[in-house]
């Protein structure tokens, strides 16, 4: 999965904005679970997931493949949720 995500990230970084939807589809469920565990309710978790994807899209140029994309985006979600609390 890491290689697939990395290929999609490279497409997004190259300017193919529509490719980001693949990452959203691939990671939405797991981000929702993480956000729900931290926030304790579905509405707040949904807001965390939405903000996570917005931040990831804005900062995708900073992503480096030292860690998997999943690790990177889950870290963003966890930090947002904790900061929100």
Protein backbone atom coordinates (compact mmCIF):
# COMPACT_ATOMS: atom_id res chain seq x y z
CA UNK A 1 0.00 0.00 0.00
CA UNK A 2 2.88 2.37 0.74
CA UNK A 3 4.08 2.20 -2.86
CA UNK A 4 0.58 2.85 -4.21
CA UNK A 5 0.11 5.85 -1.91
CA UNK A 6 3.55 7.17 -2.82
CA UNK A 7 2.74 6.99 -6.53
CA UNK A 8 -0.53 8.88 -5.97
CA UNK A 9 1.18 11.49 -3.79
CA UNK A 10 3.76 12.05 -6.52
CA UNK A 11 0.92 12.61 -9.01
CA UNK A 12 -0.67 15.18 -6.68
CA UNK A 13 2.69 16.88 -6.16
CA UNK A 14 3.07 17.03 -9.94
CA UNK A 15 -0.16 19.01 -10.18
CA UNK A 16 -2.76 16.30 -10.79
CA UNK A 17 -5.22 17.60 -8.20
CA UNK A 18 -7.83 14.95 -9.00
CA UNK A 19 -5.46 12.25 -7.79
CA UNK A 20 -5.94 13.44 -4.22
CA UNK A 21 -9.44 11.94 -4.28
CA UNK A 22 -7.79 8.51 -4.41
CA UNK A 23 -6.02 9.23 -1.14
CA UNK A 24 -9.24 10.51 0.42
CA UNK A 25 -11.07 7.35 -0.62
CA UNK A 26 -8.27 5.09 0.60
CA UNK A 27 -7.80 6.71 4.04
CA UNK A 28 -11.18 8.17 5.07
CA UNK A 29 -12.40 5.19 7.07
CA UNK A 30 -9.26 4.74 9.13
CA UNK A 31 -9.01 8.48 9.82
CA UNK A 32 -12.66 8.51 10.89
CA UNK A 33 -12.01 5.70 13.38
CA UNK A 34 -8.99 7.47 14.86
CA UNK A 35 -10.80 10.80 15.08
CA UNK A 36 -13.89 9.20 16.65
CA UNK A 37 -11.81 7.44 19.32
CA UNK A 38 -10.23 10.74 20.31
CA UNK A 39 -13.21 13.08 19.94
CA UNK A 40 -15.92 10.76 21.23
CA UNK A 41 -18.62 11.77 18.78
CA UNK A 42 -19.23 11.44 15.08
CA UNK A 43 -19.78 15.12 14.22
CA UNK A 44 -16.50 16.26 15.74
CA UNK A 45 -14.71 13.30 14.17
CA UNK A 46 -16.08 14.24 10.74
CA UNK A 47 -14.79 17.79 11.17
CA UNK A 48 -11.34 16.49 12.13
CA UNK A 49 -11.24 14.24 9.06
CA UNK A 50 -12.28 17.08 6.78
CA UNK A 51 -9.68 19.45 8.22
CA UNK A 52 -7.04 16.70 8.06
CA UNK A 53 -7.56 16.25 4.34
CA UNK A 54 -7.57 19.99 3.74
CA UNK A 55 -4.27 20.39 5.60
CA UNK A 56 -2.75 17.38 3.89
CA UNK A 57 -3.69 18.77 0.49
CA UNK A 58 -2.25 22.20 1.29
CA UNK A 59 0.96 20.69 2.66
CA UNK A 60 1.39 17.76 0.26
CA UNK A 61 4.52 19.40 -1.12
CA UNK A 62 6.13 18.84 2.28
CA UNK A 63 5.45 15.12 2.36
CA UNK A 64 8.61 13.03 2.15
CA UNK A 65 8.58 9.29 1.83
CA UNK A 66 10.56 8.71 5.05
CA UNK A 67 7.26 7.64 6.61
CA UNK A 68 4.27 6.16 4.85
CA UNK A 69 1.54 8.51 3.71
CA UNK A 70 -0.81 6.72 6.12
CA UNK A 71 1.48 7.51 9.05
CA UNK A 72 1.84 11.11 7.92
CA UNK A 73 -1.88 11.77 7.52
CA UNK A 74 -2.81 9.92 10.72
CA UNK A 75 -0.33 12.08 12.61
CA UNK A 76 -2.04 15.17 11.22
CA UNK A 77 -5.45 13.83 12.32
CA UNK A 78 -4.27 12.91 15.81
CA UNK A 79 -2.62 16.29 16.33
CA UNK A 80 -5.71 18.15 15.11
CA UNK A 81 -7.97 16.13 17.38
CA UNK A 82 -5.79 16.62 20.44
CA UNK A 83 -5.42 20.33 19.70
CA UNK A 84 -9.19 20.63 19.31
CA UNK A 85 -9.79 19.02 22.68
